[in-house]
């Protein structure tokens, strides 16, 4: 059995899980992708694998950073305190068990809205800040997902280059 093939298949599966993890945060998508890319490059050890692994990891780091900056900027702009986010996260975990798959997102939004309403005592202001916060969070998730997918594409090119050369 050729271990390069086995490691490549496992890395591909882990990268697919990482991409899903950026949207549905069961696992932290970008860190998992970075670890998979570097581990794959290290195990195969070819120039093609190292080039693809490092470039892919840098792309994933860029997406992870951009996601944090976009989301953080929107939270700061809307003056959302950490307590509101903590309530939203707790509600998302509860929602995940009450309503599988969609409950995570519904729980986060409902928890954020409830926390903002309790803080602001104005339903319209709470809705407005919650919607803007969810837009920022969604944009961050979208950017991170796109960058992890781009890192996976770089990895695919590396796989082709490694096994054809």
N, C-alpha and C. Protein backbone atom coordinates (compact mmCIF):
# COMPACT_ATOMS: atom_id res chain seq x y z
N UNK A 1 0.84 -1.17 0.00
CA UNK A 1 0.00 0.00 0.00
C UNK A 1 0.89 1.24 0.00
N UNK A 2 0.53 2.21 -0.82
CA UNK A 2 1.29 3.45 -0.92
C UNK A 2 0.74 4.44 0.11
N UNK A 3 1.56 4.77 1.11
CA UNK A 3 1.13 5.64 2.20
C UNK A 3 0.86 7.06 1.73
N UNK A 4 1.51 7.49 0.65
CA UNK A 4 1.23 8.82 0.11
C UNK A 4 -0.24 8.95 -0.29
N UNK A 5 -0.77 7.89 -0.89
CA UNK A 5 -2.17 7.91 -1.32
C UNK A 5 -3.10 7.92 -0.11
N UNK A 6 -2.80 7.09 0.88
CA UNK A 6 -3.64 7.03 2.09
C UNK A 6 -3.65 8.38 2.79
N UNK A 7 -2.48 8.97 2.97
CA UNK A 7 -2.38 10.27 3.64
C UNK A 7 -3.11 11.34 2.84
N UNK A 8 -3.01 11.28 1.53
CA UNK A 8 -3.69 12.26 0.67
C UNK A 8 -5.20 12.13 0.77
N UNK A 9 -5.70 10.91 0.79
CA UNK A 9 -7.15 10.70 0.93
C UNK A 9 -7.63 11.20 2.30
N UNK A 10 -6.89 10.87 3.35
CA UNK A 10 -7.26 11.34 4.69
C UNK A 10 -7.23 12.87 4.75
N UNK A 11 -6.20 13.47 4.17
CA UNK A 11 -6.11 14.94 4.15
C UNK A 11 -7.30 15.54 3.40
N UNK A 12 -7.69 14.92 2.30
CA UNK A 12 -8.86 15.40 1.55
C UNK A 12 -10.13 15.35 2.37
N UNK A 13 -10.32 14.28 3.12
CA UNK A 13 -11.49 14.16 3.98
C UNK A 13 -11.47 15.22 5.08
N UNK A 14 -10.30 15.40 5.69
CA UNK A 14 -10.16 16.40 6.75
C UNK A 14 -10.40 17.80 6.19
N UNK A 15 -9.93 18.07 5.00
CA UNK A 15 -10.16 19.39 4.38
C UNK A 15 -11.65 19.61 4.08
N UNK A 16 -12.34 18.55 3.67
CA UNK A 16 -13.79 18.68 3.44
C UNK A 16 -14.51 18.98 4.75
N UNK A 17 -14.11 18.30 5.82
CA UNK A 17 -14.69 18.56 7.14
C UNK A 17 -14.38 19.99 7.59
N UNK A 18 -13.17 20.45 7.30
CA UNK A 18 -12.78 21.82 7.66
C UNK A 18 -13.65 22.84 6.93
N UNK A 19 -13.92 22.60 5.65
CA UNK A 19 -14.76 23.52 4.88
C UNK A 19 -16.16 23.58 5.48
N UNK A 20 -16.71 22.43 5.84
CA UNK A 20 -18.03 22.40 6.48
C UNK A 20 -17.96 23.09 7.84
N UNK A 21 -16.84 22.93 8.53
CA UNK A 21 -16.67 23.52 9.85
C UNK A 21 -16.64 25.04 9.85
N UNK A 22 -16.37 25.65 8.72
CA UNK A 22 -16.41 27.12 8.66
C UNK A 22 -17.84 27.63 8.66
N UNK A 23 -18.75 26.84 8.12
CA UNK A 23 -20.16 27.24 8.05
C UNK A 23 -20.94 26.72 9.25
N UNK A 24 -20.72 25.48 9.58
CA UNK A 24 -21.41 24.84 10.70
C UNK A 24 -20.34 24.52 11.74
N UNK A 25 -20.14 25.40 12.68
CA UNK A 25 -18.94 25.34 13.53
C UNK A 25 -18.91 24.21 14.56
N UNK A 26 -18.87 22.98 14.07
CA UNK A 26 -18.66 21.84 14.96
C UNK A 26 -17.17 21.74 15.27
N UNK A 27 -16.38 21.92 14.25
CA UNK A 27 -14.93 21.99 14.38
C UNK A 27 -14.49 23.35 13.84
N UNK A 28 -13.42 23.90 14.38
CA UNK A 28 -12.93 25.18 13.84
C UNK A 28 -12.32 24.95 12.46
N UNK A 29 -13.00 25.40 11.42
CA UNK A 29 -12.64 25.07 10.05
C UNK A 29 -11.25 25.47 9.62
N UNK A 30 -10.91 26.74 9.78
CA UNK A 30 -9.61 27.21 9.30
C UNK A 30 -8.43 26.56 10.01
N UNK A 31 -8.43 26.47 11.35
CA UNK A 31 -7.31 25.78 12.00
C UNK A 31 -7.18 24.32 11.60
N UNK A 32 -8.29 23.65 11.40
CA UNK A 32 -8.25 22.24 10.95
C UNK A 32 -7.66 22.16 9.55
N UNK A 33 -8.05 23.08 8.67
CA UNK A 33 -7.51 23.10 7.30
C UNK A 33 -6.01 23.37 7.32
N UNK A 34 -5.59 24.33 8.13
CA UNK A 34 -4.17 24.66 8.21
C UNK A 34 -3.36 23.45 8.69
N UNK A 35 -3.85 22.82 9.74
CA UNK A 35 -3.16 21.63 10.27
C UNK A 35 -3.12 20.51 9.24
N UNK A 36 -4.21 20.28 8.55
CA UNK A 36 -4.25 19.21 7.53
C UNK A 36 -3.29 19.50 6.39
N UNK A 37 -3.24 20.74 5.94
CA UNK A 37 -2.35 21.09 4.83
C UNK A 37 -0.88 20.95 5.20
N UNK A 38 -0.52 21.43 6.38
CA UNK A 38 0.88 21.34 6.81
C UNK A 38 1.26 19.88 7.09
N UNK A 39 0.37 19.12 7.72
CA UNK A 39 0.66 17.71 8.00
C UNK A 39 0.80 16.92 6.70
N UNK A 40 -0.07 17.18 5.74
CA UNK A 40 0.02 16.50 4.45
C UNK A 40 1.34 16.82 3.76
N UNK A 41 1.70 18.10 3.75
CA UNK A 41 2.96 18.50 3.12
C UNK A 41 4.15 17.86 3.81
N UNK A 42 4.13 17.85 5.13
CA UNK A 42 5.22 17.26 5.90
C UNK A 42 5.36 15.77 5.62
N UNK A 43 4.24 15.06 5.57
CA UNK A 43 4.30 13.61 5.35
C UNK A 43 4.79 13.29 3.94
N UNK A 44 4.27 13.98 2.93
CA UNK A 44 4.69 13.67 1.56
C UNK A 44 6.08 14.21 1.28
N UNK A 45 6.40 15.37 1.75
CA UNK A 45 7.76 15.89 1.68
C UNK A 45 8.28 16.33 0.33
N UNK A 46 7.45 16.31 -0.70
CA UNK A 46 7.93 16.74 -2.01
C UNK A 46 7.86 18.26 -2.12
N UNK A 47 8.54 18.79 -3.12
CA UNK A 47 8.47 20.23 -3.35
C UNK A 47 7.06 20.68 -3.67
N UNK A 48 6.35 19.87 -4.45
CA UNK A 48 4.97 20.22 -4.81
C UNK A 48 4.06 20.21 -3.59
N UNK A 49 4.25 19.22 -2.72
CA UNK A 49 3.38 19.15 -1.54
C UNK A 49 3.68 20.29 -0.57
N UNK A 50 4.97 20.62 -0.40
CA UNK A 50 5.32 21.72 0.49
C UNK A 50 4.81 23.05 -0.05
N UNK A 51 4.95 23.26 -1.35
CA UNK A 51 4.48 24.51 -1.95
C UNK A 51 2.96 24.64 -1.78
N UNK A 52 2.24 23.59 -2.14
CA UNK A 52 0.78 23.63 -2.02
C UNK A 52 0.34 23.72 -0.56
N UNK A 53 1.01 22.99 0.30
CA UNK A 53 0.64 23.01 1.72
C UNK A 53 0.83 24.37 2.35
N UNK A 54 1.96 25.00 2.08
CA UNK A 54 2.24 26.31 2.68
C UNK A 54 1.35 27.39 2.06
N UNK A 55 1.21 27.40 0.74
CA UNK A 55 0.36 28.40 0.10
C UNK A 55 -1.09 28.22 0.56
N UNK A 56 -1.57 26.97 0.60
CA UNK A 56 -2.93 26.71 1.07
C UNK A 56 -3.12 27.14 2.52
N UNK A 57 -2.14 26.87 3.36
CA UNK A 57 -2.23 27.26 4.77
C UNK A 57 -2.26 28.79 4.90
N UNK A 58 -1.46 29.48 4.10
CA UNK A 58 -1.47 30.94 4.14
C UNK A 58 -2.81 31.52 3.68
N UNK A 59 -3.41 30.89 2.68
CA UNK A 59 -4.73 31.32 2.21
C UNK A 59 -5.77 31.11 3.33
N UNK A 60 -5.70 29.96 4.01
CA UNK A 60 -6.63 29.70 5.10
C UNK A 60 -6.42 30.67 6.26
N UNK A 61 -5.17 31.00 6.56
CA UNK A 61 -4.88 31.99 7.61
C UNK A 61 -5.47 33.34 7.23
N UNK A 62 -5.33 33.72 5.96
CA UNK A 62 -5.89 34.99 5.50
C UNK A 62 -7.41 35.01 5.66
N UNK A 63 -8.07 33.92 5.32
CA UNK A 63 -9.53 33.83 5.47
C UNK A 63 -9.96 33.87 6.92
N UNK A 64 -9.21 33.17 7.76
CA UNK A 64 -9.51 33.14 9.19
C UNK A 64 -9.37 34.54 9.78
N UNK A 65 -8.31 35.24 9.40
CA UNK A 65 -8.07 36.59 9.89
C UNK A 65 -9.13 37.56 9.37
N UNK A 66 -9.44 37.47 8.09
CA UNK A 66 -10.45 38.36 7.50
C UNK A 66 -11.80 38.15 8.15
N UNK A 67 -12.14 36.92 8.44
CA UNK A 67 -13.40 36.62 9.10
C UNK A 67 -13.46 37.28 10.48
N UNK A 68 -12.38 37.15 11.22
CA UNK A 68 -12.34 37.75 12.56
C UNK A 68 -12.43 39.28 12.49
N UNK A 69 -11.74 39.87 11.52
CA UNK A 69 -11.75 41.33 11.39
C UNK A 69 -13.13 41.82 10.96
N UNK A 70 -13.73 41.18 9.97
CA UNK A 70 -15.05 41.61 9.50
C UNK A 70 -16.10 41.48 10.60
N UNK A 71 -16.11 40.36 11.28
CA UNK A 71 -17.08 40.15 12.35
C UNK A 71 -16.83 41.10 13.51
N UNK A 72 -15.58 41.22 13.91
CA UNK A 72 -15.23 42.12 15.02
C UNK A 72 -15.56 43.57 14.73
N UNK A 73 -15.33 43.99 13.50
CA UNK A 73 -15.64 45.37 13.11
C UNK A 73 -17.14 45.64 13.23
N UNK A 74 -17.93 44.68 12.77
CA UNK A 74 -19.39 44.87 12.83
C UNK A 74 -19.88 44.86 14.28
N UNK A 75 -19.31 44.01 15.11
CA UNK A 75 -19.70 43.99 16.53
C UNK A 75 -19.34 45.31 17.21
N UNK A 76 -18.18 45.82 16.88
CA UNK A 76 -17.76 47.09 17.47
C UNK A 76 -18.63 48.24 16.95
N UNK A 77 -18.93 48.22 15.66
CA UNK A 77 -19.75 49.27 15.05
C UNK A 77 -21.15 49.31 15.67
N UNK A 78 -21.71 48.13 15.94
CA UNK A 78 -23.04 48.06 16.53
C UNK A 78 -23.01 48.12 18.06
N UNK A 79 -21.82 48.22 18.63
CA UNK A 79 -21.62 48.28 20.08
C UNK A 79 -22.27 47.10 20.80
N UNK A 80 -22.04 45.91 20.26
CA UNK A 80 -22.59 44.69 20.86
C UNK A 80 -21.62 44.23 21.94
N UNK A 81 -22.08 44.14 23.19
CA UNK A 81 -21.18 43.70 24.26
C UNK A 81 -20.93 42.19 24.22
N UNK A 82 -19.88 41.78 24.87
CA UNK A 82 -19.53 40.36 24.90
C UNK A 82 -20.61 39.52 25.57
N UNK A 83 -21.34 40.14 26.50
CA UNK A 83 -22.42 39.42 27.17
C UNK A 83 -23.52 39.00 26.21
N UNK A 84 -23.86 39.88 25.27
CA UNK A 84 -24.88 39.54 24.27
C UNK A 84 -24.42 38.38 23.39
N UNK A 85 -23.16 38.39 23.03
CA UNK A 85 -22.61 37.30 22.22
C UNK A 85 -22.60 36.01 23.03
N UNK A 86 -22.25 36.10 24.30
CA UNK A 86 -22.24 34.90 25.16
C UNK A 86 -23.64 34.30 25.26
N UNK A 87 -24.65 35.14 25.44
CA UNK A 87 -26.04 34.65 25.49
C UNK A 87 -26.40 34.01 24.16
N UNK A 88 -26.02 34.62 23.06
CA UNK A 88 -26.33 34.08 21.73
C UNK A 88 -25.66 32.72 21.52
N UNK A 89 -24.43 32.59 21.99
CA UNK A 89 -23.72 31.31 21.84
C UNK A 89 -24.39 30.22 22.67
N UNK A 90 -24.77 30.54 23.91
CA UNK A 90 -25.45 29.57 24.76
C UNK A 90 -26.77 29.16 24.12
N UNK A 91 -27.52 30.12 23.60
CA UNK A 91 -28.78 29.81 22.93
C UNK A 91 -28.57 28.98 21.67
N UNK A 92 -27.47 29.22 20.97
CA UNK A 92 -27.20 28.43 19.77
C UNK A 92 -26.90 26.98 20.12
N UNK A 93 -26.20 26.75 21.21
CA UNK A 93 -25.92 25.37 21.65
C UNK A 93 -27.22 24.68 22.05
N UNK A 94 -28.07 25.39 22.79
CA UNK A 94 -29.37 24.83 23.16
C UNK A 94 -30.20 24.56 21.91
N UNK A 95 -30.20 25.52 20.98
CA UNK A 95 -30.94 25.36 19.73
C UNK A 95 -30.46 24.18 18.91
N UNK A 96 -29.16 23.89 18.97
CA UNK A 96 -28.60 22.77 18.22
C UNK A 96 -29.23 21.46 18.66
N UNK A 97 -29.56 21.33 19.94
CA UNK A 97 -30.16 20.10 20.44
C UNK A 97 -31.69 20.09 20.26
N UNK A 98 -32.30 21.26 20.31
CA UNK A 98 -33.75 21.34 20.17
C UNK A 98 -34.17 21.17 18.71
N UNK A 99 -33.45 21.81 17.82
CA UNK A 99 -33.75 21.78 16.39
C UNK A 99 -32.47 21.43 15.64
N UNK A 100 -32.21 20.14 15.42
CA UNK A 100 -30.94 19.74 14.81
C UNK A 100 -30.64 20.50 13.51
N UNK A 101 -29.40 20.79 13.31
CA UNK A 101 -28.79 21.53 12.21
C UNK A 101 -29.18 23.00 12.21
N UNK A 102 -30.44 23.33 11.99
CA UNK A 102 -30.85 24.73 11.90
C UNK A 102 -30.91 25.42 13.26
N UNK A 103 -31.04 24.65 14.32
CA UNK A 103 -31.16 25.21 15.66
C UNK A 103 -29.96 26.03 16.08
N UNK A 104 -28.80 25.68 15.58
CA UNK A 104 -27.59 26.42 15.90
C UNK A 104 -27.73 27.87 15.43
N UNK A 105 -28.19 28.05 14.21
CA UNK A 105 -28.33 29.38 13.63
C UNK A 105 -29.54 30.12 14.22
N UNK A 106 -30.66 29.41 14.36
CA UNK A 106 -31.87 30.01 14.92
C UNK A 106 -31.62 30.41 16.38
N UNK A 107 -30.98 29.54 17.12
CA UNK A 107 -30.69 29.83 18.52
C UNK A 107 -29.79 31.03 18.68
N UNK A 108 -28.77 31.13 17.82
CA UNK A 108 -27.87 32.29 17.89
C UNK A 108 -28.62 33.59 17.63
N UNK A 109 -29.41 33.60 16.57
CA UNK A 109 -30.17 34.81 16.23
C UNK A 109 -31.18 35.17 17.30
N UNK A 110 -31.90 34.18 17.80
CA UNK A 110 -32.91 34.44 18.84
C UNK A 110 -32.24 34.90 20.14
N UNK A 111 -31.14 34.27 20.50
CA UNK A 111 -30.44 34.66 21.72
C UNK A 111 -29.87 36.07 21.61
N UNK A 112 -29.34 36.40 20.45
CA UNK A 112 -28.80 37.75 20.23
C UNK A 112 -29.92 38.78 20.32
N UNK A 113 -31.04 38.50 19.67
CA UNK A 113 -32.17 39.43 19.70
C UNK A 113 -32.69 39.61 21.13
N UNK A 114 -32.86 38.52 21.85
CA UNK A 114 -33.36 38.60 23.23
C UNK A 114 -32.39 39.39 24.11
N UNK A 115 -31.11 39.13 23.96
CA UNK A 115 -30.12 39.83 24.77
C UNK A 115 -30.07 41.32 24.43
N UNK A 116 -30.15 41.63 23.15
CA UNK A 116 -30.14 43.03 22.74
C UNK A 116 -31.41 43.75 23.18
N UNK A 117 -32.54 43.06 23.16
CA UNK A 117 -33.79 43.67 23.63
C UNK A 117 -33.71 43.94 25.14
N UNK A 118 -33.16 42.98 25.88
CA UNK A 118 -33.00 43.17 27.32
C UNK A 118 -32.05 44.34 27.62
N UNK A 119 -31.06 44.53 26.78
CA UNK A 119 -30.09 45.59 27.00
C UNK A 119 -30.62 46.96 26.57
N UNK A 120 -31.31 47.00 25.44
CA UNK A 120 -31.73 48.28 24.86
C UNK A 120 -33.14 48.71 25.27
N UNK A 121 -34.00 47.76 25.62
CA UNK A 121 -35.40 48.03 25.97
C UNK A 121 -36.16 48.70 24.82
N UNK A 122 -35.71 48.44 23.61
CA UNK A 122 -36.36 48.97 22.42
C UNK A 122 -36.29 47.88 21.35
N UNK A 123 -37.46 47.35 21.00
CA UNK A 123 -37.47 46.20 20.09
C UNK A 123 -36.90 46.55 18.72
N UNK A 124 -37.25 47.70 18.17
CA UNK A 124 -36.73 48.08 16.85
C UNK A 124 -35.21 48.23 16.85
N UNK A 125 -34.68 48.85 17.88
CA UNK A 125 -33.22 49.00 17.97
C UNK A 125 -32.55 47.64 18.15
N UNK A 126 -33.19 46.76 18.92
CA UNK A 126 -32.64 45.42 19.12
C UNK A 126 -32.64 44.63 17.81
N UNK A 127 -33.72 44.74 17.05
CA UNK A 127 -33.80 44.05 15.76
C UNK A 127 -32.74 44.61 14.80
N UNK A 128 -32.64 45.93 14.74
CA UNK A 128 -31.68 46.56 13.83
C UNK A 128 -30.25 46.14 14.16
N UNK A 129 -29.87 46.19 15.43
CA UNK A 129 -28.50 45.81 15.79
C UNK A 129 -28.26 44.32 15.59
N UNK A 130 -29.27 43.51 15.87
CA UNK A 130 -29.13 42.05 15.68
C UNK A 130 -28.98 41.71 14.21
N UNK A 131 -29.77 42.34 13.36
CA UNK A 131 -29.69 42.07 11.92
C UNK A 131 -28.33 42.48 11.38
N UNK A 132 -27.84 43.65 11.76
CA UNK A 132 -26.53 44.10 11.30
C UNK A 132 -25.41 43.18 11.81
N UNK A 133 -25.54 42.75 13.04
CA UNK A 133 -24.55 41.83 13.60
C UNK A 133 -24.57 40.50 12.86
N UNK A 134 -25.76 39.99 12.56
CA UNK A 134 -25.87 38.73 11.82
C UNK A 134 -25.32 38.88 10.40
N UNK A 135 -25.52 40.05 9.79
CA UNK A 135 -24.94 40.29 8.45
C UNK A 135 -23.42 40.24 8.52
N UNK A 136 -22.86 40.90 9.51
CA UNK A 136 -21.40 40.89 9.67
C UNK A 136 -20.86 39.51 9.94
N UNK A 137 -21.56 38.78 10.80
CA UNK A 137 -21.15 37.41 11.10
C UNK A 137 -21.25 36.53 9.85
N UNK A 138 -22.35 36.69 9.12
CA UNK A 138 -22.53 35.91 7.88
C UNK A 138 -21.46 36.22 6.85
N UNK A 139 -21.10 37.49 6.72
CA UNK A 139 -20.04 37.87 5.77
C UNK A 139 -18.71 37.26 6.19
N UNK A 140 -18.43 37.28 7.49
CA UNK A 140 -17.20 36.66 7.98
C UNK A 140 -17.15 35.17 7.69
N UNK A 141 -18.28 34.51 7.91
CA UNK A 141 -18.36 33.06 7.63
C UNK A 141 -18.18 32.80 6.15
N UNK A 142 -18.80 33.62 5.32
CA UNK A 142 -18.70 33.45 3.87
C UNK A 142 -17.26 33.62 3.38
N UNK A 143 -16.59 34.64 3.88
CA UNK A 143 -15.19 34.88 3.49
C UNK A 143 -14.31 33.73 3.95
N UNK A 144 -14.48 33.30 5.19
CA UNK A 144 -13.66 32.20 5.70
C UNK A 144 -13.92 30.91 4.91
N UNK A 145 -15.18 30.63 4.60
CA UNK A 145 -15.52 29.44 3.80
C UNK A 145 -14.88 29.52 2.42
N UNK A 146 -14.99 30.69 1.79
CA UNK A 146 -14.40 30.85 0.46
C UNK A 146 -12.89 30.65 0.46
N UNK A 147 -12.24 31.16 1.48
CA UNK A 147 -10.78 31.02 1.55
C UNK A 147 -10.36 29.59 1.86
N UNK A 148 -11.12 28.88 2.69
CA UNK A 148 -10.80 27.47 2.93
C UNK A 148 -11.04 26.66 1.65
N UNK A 149 -12.08 26.99 0.91
CA UNK A 149 -12.30 26.31 -0.37
C UNK A 149 -11.17 26.61 -1.36
N UNK A 150 -10.68 27.84 -1.36
CA UNK A 150 -9.54 28.18 -2.21
C UNK A 150 -8.30 27.41 -1.77
N UNK A 151 -8.11 27.27 -0.46
CA UNK A 151 -6.98 26.48 0.05
C UNK A 151 -7.11 25.02 -0.38
N UNK A 152 -8.33 24.51 -0.39
CA UNK A 152 -8.56 23.13 -0.86
C UNK A 152 -8.23 23.01 -2.35
N UNK A 153 -8.53 24.04 -3.12
CA UNK A 153 -8.19 24.03 -4.54
C UNK A 153 -6.68 24.04 -4.74
N UNK A 154 -5.98 24.82 -3.94
CA UNK A 154 -4.51 24.84 -4.01
C UNK A 154 -3.98 23.45 -3.67
N UNK A 155 -4.56 22.82 -2.65
CA UNK A 155 -4.16 21.46 -2.27
C UNK A 155 -4.39 20.49 -3.43
N UNK A 156 -5.52 20.63 -4.13
CA UNK A 156 -5.82 19.75 -5.26
C UNK A 156 -4.75 19.88 -6.35
N UNK A 157 -4.34 21.10 -6.62
CA UNK A 157 -3.27 21.32 -7.60
C UNK A 157 -1.99 20.66 -7.10
N UNK A 158 -1.72 20.78 -5.81
CA UNK A 158 -0.53 20.14 -5.22
C UNK A 158 -0.58 18.62 -5.31
N UNK A 159 -1.77 18.05 -5.14
CA UNK A 159 -1.93 16.61 -5.26
C UNK A 159 -1.61 16.17 -6.69
N UNK A 160 -2.16 16.90 -7.65
CA UNK A 160 -1.91 16.56 -9.06
C UNK A 160 -0.42 16.69 -9.37
N UNK A 161 0.20 17.77 -8.91
CA UNK A 161 1.62 17.98 -9.18
C UNK A 161 2.47 16.91 -8.50
N UNK A 162 2.13 16.54 -7.28
CA UNK A 162 2.91 15.54 -6.55
C UNK A 162 2.84 14.18 -7.23
N UNK A 163 1.64 13.75 -7.58
CA UNK A 163 1.49 12.40 -8.12
C UNK A 163 1.80 12.29 -9.61
N UNK A 164 1.86 13.42 -10.32
CA UNK A 164 2.20 13.35 -11.75
C UNK A 164 3.69 13.53 -11.98
N UNK A 165 4.39 14.01 -10.95
CA UNK A 165 5.81 14.31 -11.14
C UNK A 165 6.66 13.38 -10.44
